[in-house]
Amino acid sequence: MRVLALAILAIGAGAAVAPAQAQTYDPSYPVCLHVYGRISYYECRYTSLPQCNMSASGRSAQCVINPYYAYAGVPSAHRNKRYRSAY
């Protein structure tokens, strides 16, 4: 029983020592570069897909749309307004 408790404690301590993952998406940019390799990461510093594709050229990478882009869901005031004529 004591060996089992020590094994669980060792596994818990090992998991706590592992580096924490940071947020991968920057909400300021609409396009991200997903770089593949031993360490896979996202680089969200692009304003358009052609700009990102130039950076991804020749690398093991793919351009993706940022799902957390801050201005993606802001509706336009003119587009959603309904105007009624007087009855």
N, C-alpha and C. Protein backbone atom coordinates (compact mmCIF):
# COMPACT_ATOMS: atom_id res chain seq x y z
N MET A 1 0.82 -1.19 0.00
CA MET A 1 0.00 0.00 0.00
C MET A 1 0.87 1.26 0.00
N ARG A 2 1.95 1.18 0.77
CA ARG A 2 2.85 2.33 0.86
C ARG A 2 3.54 2.58 -0.48
N VAL A 3 3.87 1.52 -1.20
CA VAL A 3 4.52 1.65 -2.50
C VAL A 3 3.56 2.29 -3.50
N LEU A 4 2.29 1.93 -3.45
CA LEU A 4 1.30 2.50 -4.34
C LEU A 4 1.13 4.00 -4.08
N ALA A 5 1.09 4.39 -2.82
CA ALA A 5 0.96 5.80 -2.47
C ALA A 5 2.19 6.59 -2.94
N LEU A 6 3.36 6.04 -2.79
CA LEU A 6 4.58 6.71 -3.25
C LEU A 6 4.61 6.81 -4.77
N ALA A 7 4.11 5.79 -5.46
CA ALA A 7 4.08 5.83 -6.92
C ALA A 7 3.12 6.92 -7.40
N ILE A 8 1.97 7.02 -6.78
CA ILE A 8 1.01 8.07 -7.15
C ILE A 8 1.59 9.45 -6.87
N LEU A 9 2.26 9.60 -5.75
CA LEU A 9 2.90 10.88 -5.40
C LEU A 9 3.99 11.24 -6.41
N ALA A 10 4.77 10.27 -6.85
CA ALA A 10 5.83 10.52 -7.83
C ALA A 10 5.26 10.92 -9.18
N ILE A 11 4.19 10.28 -9.59
CA ILE A 11 3.56 10.62 -10.87
C ILE A 11 2.97 12.02 -10.81
N GLY A 12 2.35 12.36 -9.70
CA GLY A 12 1.78 13.70 -9.53
C GLY A 12 2.86 14.78 -9.53
N ALA A 13 3.97 14.51 -8.88
CA ALA A 13 5.07 15.48 -8.85
C ALA A 13 5.69 15.64 -10.23
N GLY A 14 5.79 14.55 -10.98
CA GLY A 14 6.33 14.62 -12.34
C GLY A 14 5.43 15.40 -13.27
N ALA A 15 4.14 15.27 -13.10
CA ALA A 15 3.19 16.02 -13.94
C ALA A 15 3.21 17.50 -13.61
N ALA A 16 3.46 17.85 -12.36
CA ALA A 16 3.49 19.25 -11.96
C ALA A 16 4.74 19.96 -12.47
N VAL A 17 5.81 19.21 -12.71
CA VAL A 17 7.07 19.80 -13.17
C VAL A 17 7.04 20.10 -14.66
N ALA A 18 6.17 19.44 -15.42
CA ALA A 18 6.10 19.64 -16.86
C ALA A 18 5.74 21.09 -17.19
N PRO A 19 6.29 21.64 -18.28
CA PRO A 19 6.00 23.04 -18.62
C PRO A 19 4.53 23.25 -18.98
N ALA A 20 4.02 24.38 -18.60
CA ALA A 20 2.62 24.70 -18.89
C ALA A 20 2.49 25.23 -20.32
N GLN A 21 1.34 24.96 -20.94
CA GLN A 21 1.07 25.44 -22.28
C GLN A 21 0.45 26.83 -22.20
N ALA A 22 0.93 27.74 -22.99
CA ALA A 22 0.38 29.08 -23.03
C ALA A 22 -0.73 29.15 -24.07
N GLN A 23 -1.45 30.27 -24.11
CA GLN A 23 -2.48 30.46 -25.12
C GLN A 23 -1.82 30.48 -26.49
N THR A 24 -2.38 29.74 -27.42
CA THR A 24 -1.74 29.62 -28.73
C THR A 24 -2.25 30.62 -29.75
N TYR A 25 -3.42 31.17 -29.54
CA TYR A 25 -3.99 32.10 -30.51
C TYR A 25 -3.92 33.52 -30.00
N ASP A 26 -3.46 34.45 -30.83
CA ASP A 26 -3.46 35.86 -30.50
C ASP A 26 -4.72 36.48 -31.09
N PRO A 27 -5.62 37.05 -30.28
CA PRO A 27 -6.88 37.57 -30.81
C PRO A 27 -6.73 38.85 -31.62
N SER A 28 -5.53 39.35 -31.80
CA SER A 28 -5.32 40.59 -32.55
C SER A 28 -5.17 40.38 -34.05
N TYR A 29 -4.90 39.16 -34.49
CA TYR A 29 -4.64 38.89 -35.90
C TYR A 29 -5.61 37.84 -36.43
N PRO A 30 -6.11 38.00 -37.67
CA PRO A 30 -7.12 37.08 -38.20
C PRO A 30 -6.56 35.77 -38.77
N VAL A 31 -5.25 35.68 -39.01
CA VAL A 31 -4.68 34.49 -39.64
C VAL A 31 -3.51 33.98 -38.81
N CYS A 32 -3.45 32.65 -38.65
CA CYS A 32 -2.37 32.02 -37.88
C CYS A 32 -1.62 31.03 -38.76
N LEU A 33 -0.36 30.85 -38.46
CA LEU A 33 0.49 29.87 -39.13
C LEU A 33 0.68 28.71 -38.16
N HIS A 34 0.23 27.52 -38.54
CA HIS A 34 0.39 26.33 -37.72
C HIS A 34 1.64 25.61 -38.21
N VAL A 35 2.68 25.61 -37.41
CA VAL A 35 3.96 25.00 -37.77
C VAL A 35 4.02 23.61 -37.15
N TYR A 36 4.32 22.62 -38.00
CA TYR A 36 4.41 21.24 -37.55
C TYR A 36 5.87 20.85 -37.36
N GLY A 37 6.12 19.92 -36.45
CA GLY A 37 7.47 19.43 -36.21
C GLY A 37 7.50 18.71 -34.88
N ARG A 38 8.71 18.60 -34.31
CA ARG A 38 8.82 17.99 -32.98
C ARG A 38 7.99 18.76 -31.98
N ILE A 39 8.03 20.07 -32.10
CA ILE A 39 7.20 20.95 -31.27
C ILE A 39 6.27 21.71 -32.21
N SER A 40 5.00 21.41 -32.14
CA SER A 40 4.00 22.05 -32.99
C SER A 40 3.50 23.31 -32.29
N TYR A 41 3.39 24.42 -33.04
CA TYR A 41 2.93 25.67 -32.43
C TYR A 41 2.21 26.52 -33.44
N TYR A 42 1.47 27.51 -32.93
CA TYR A 42 0.75 28.48 -33.75
C TYR A 42 1.44 29.83 -33.64
N GLU A 43 1.54 30.50 -34.77
CA GLU A 43 2.15 31.83 -34.83
C GLU A 43 1.10 32.77 -35.44
N CYS A 44 0.41 33.51 -34.62
CA CYS A 44 -0.68 34.38 -35.08
C CYS A 44 -0.17 35.81 -35.21
N ARG A 45 0.41 36.11 -36.36
CA ARG A 45 0.96 37.44 -36.62
C ARG A 45 0.72 37.89 -38.05
N TYR A 46 -0.33 37.39 -38.67
CA TYR A 46 -0.57 37.69 -40.08
C TYR A 46 -1.94 38.34 -40.27
N THR A 47 -1.99 39.29 -41.19
CA THR A 47 -3.23 40.02 -41.45
C THR A 47 -4.00 39.46 -42.63
N SER A 48 -3.38 38.59 -43.45
CA SER A 48 -4.07 38.02 -44.60
C SER A 48 -3.50 36.63 -44.90
N LEU A 49 -4.29 35.83 -45.62
CA LEU A 49 -3.83 34.50 -46.00
C LEU A 49 -2.64 34.53 -46.97
N PRO A 50 -2.61 35.43 -47.99
CA PRO A 50 -1.42 35.47 -48.85
C PRO A 50 -0.13 35.81 -48.09
N GLN A 51 -0.24 36.69 -47.11
CA GLN A 51 0.94 37.03 -46.31
C GLN A 51 1.42 35.81 -45.53
N CYS A 52 0.49 35.06 -44.96
CA CYS A 52 0.84 33.86 -44.21
C CYS A 52 1.39 32.78 -45.13
N ASN A 53 0.78 32.62 -46.31
CA ASN A 53 1.25 31.60 -47.25
C ASN A 53 2.68 31.85 -47.70
N MET A 54 3.08 33.11 -47.83
CA MET A 54 4.47 33.40 -48.19
C MET A 54 5.42 32.94 -47.10
N SER A 55 5.01 33.10 -45.85
CA SER A 55 5.85 32.66 -44.74
C SER A 55 5.86 31.13 -44.61
N ALA A 56 4.76 30.48 -44.98
CA ALA A 56 4.67 29.02 -44.86
C ALA A 56 5.36 28.30 -46.00
N SER A 57 5.68 29.00 -47.07
CA SER A 57 6.27 28.38 -48.24
C SER A 57 7.60 27.72 -47.90
N GLY A 58 7.72 26.45 -48.23
CA GLY A 58 8.96 25.72 -48.00
C GLY A 58 9.11 25.17 -46.59
N ARG A 59 8.11 25.36 -45.77
CA ARG A 59 8.16 24.87 -44.39
C ARG A 59 7.07 23.84 -44.19
N SER A 60 7.18 23.11 -43.13
CA SER A 60 6.13 22.18 -42.74
C SER A 60 5.11 22.96 -41.92
N ALA A 61 4.26 23.72 -42.63
CA ALA A 61 3.33 24.62 -41.96
C ALA A 61 2.08 24.79 -42.80
N GLN A 62 1.03 25.27 -42.15
CA GLN A 62 -0.26 25.50 -42.81
C GLN A 62 -0.88 26.76 -42.22
N CYS A 63 -1.50 27.57 -43.07
CA CYS A 63 -2.18 28.78 -42.62
C CYS A 63 -3.63 28.45 -42.27
N VAL A 64 -4.08 28.95 -41.14
CA VAL A 64 -5.44 28.70 -40.67
C VAL A 64 -6.07 30.02 -40.23
N ILE A 65 -7.39 30.06 -40.28
CA ILE A 65 -8.12 31.23 -39.82
C ILE A 65 -8.16 31.18 -38.29
N ASN A 66 -7.90 32.30 -37.66
CA ASN A 66 -7.89 32.40 -36.20
C ASN A 66 -9.32 32.37 -35.66
N PRO A 67 -9.69 31.32 -34.91
CA PRO A 67 -11.06 31.24 -34.39
C PRO A 67 -11.32 32.23 -33.26
N TYR A 68 -10.27 32.82 -32.69
CA TYR A 68 -10.42 33.75 -31.59
C TYR A 68 -10.13 35.19 -31.99
N TYR A 69 -10.21 35.48 -33.29
CA TYR A 69 -9.97 36.83 -33.77
C TYR A 69 -10.98 37.78 -33.14
N ALA A 70 -10.52 38.87 -32.56
CA ALA A 70 -11.35 39.76 -31.75
C ALA A 70 -12.44 40.45 -32.54
N TYR A 71 -12.23 40.76 -33.82
CA TYR A 71 -13.18 41.54 -34.57
C TYR A 71 -14.00 40.70 -35.56
N ALA A 72 -13.92 39.40 -35.46
CA ALA A 72 -14.61 38.53 -36.41
C ALA A 72 -16.12 38.53 -36.21
N GLY A 73 -16.58 38.64 -34.99
CA GLY A 73 -18.00 38.53 -34.73
C GLY A 73 -18.71 39.85 -34.50
N VAL A 74 -18.06 40.96 -34.78
CA VAL A 74 -18.68 42.26 -34.54
C VAL A 74 -19.55 42.61 -35.74
N PRO A 75 -20.86 42.61 -35.57
CA PRO A 75 -21.73 42.91 -36.71
C PRO A 75 -21.73 44.41 -37.03
N SER A 76 -21.94 44.68 -38.26
CA SER A 76 -22.03 46.07 -38.69
C SER A 76 -23.38 46.64 -38.28
N ALA A 77 -23.43 47.89 -37.87
CA ALA A 77 -24.68 48.51 -37.42
C ALA A 77 -25.64 48.69 -38.59
N HIS A 78 -25.13 48.98 -39.78
CA HIS A 78 -26.00 49.21 -40.92
C HIS A 78 -26.58 47.91 -41.48
N ARG A 79 -25.82 46.87 -41.39
CA ARG A 79 -26.24 45.61 -41.97
C ARG A 79 -27.41 44.98 -41.19
N ASN A 80 -27.45 45.15 -39.89
CA ASN A 80 -28.45 44.48 -39.06
C ASN A 80 -29.64 45.36 -38.71
N LYS A 81 -29.66 46.58 -39.15
CA LYS A 81 -30.78 47.46 -38.82
C LYS A 81 -31.92 47.26 -39.79
N ARG A 82 -33.10 47.30 -39.27
CA ARG A 82 -34.31 47.24 -40.08
C ARG A 82 -35.01 48.56 -39.98
N TYR A 83 -35.31 49.11 -41.09
CA TYR A 83 -36.03 50.37 -41.11
C TYR A 83 -37.49 50.13 -41.47
N ARG A 84 -38.35 50.69 -40.68
CA ARG A 84 -39.79 50.54 -40.94
C ARG A 84 -40.35 51.87 -41.44
N SER A 85 -41.21 51.77 -42.36
CA SER A 85 -41.89 52.98 -42.79
C SER A 85 -43.06 53.24 -41.85
N ALA A 86 -43.50 54.45 -41.81
CA ALA A 86 -44.62 54.81 -40.93
C ALA A 86 -45.89 54.13 -41.40
N TYR A 87 -46.70 53.72 -40.49
CA TYR A 87 -47.95 53.03 -40.82
C TYR A 87 -49.03 53.99 -41.18
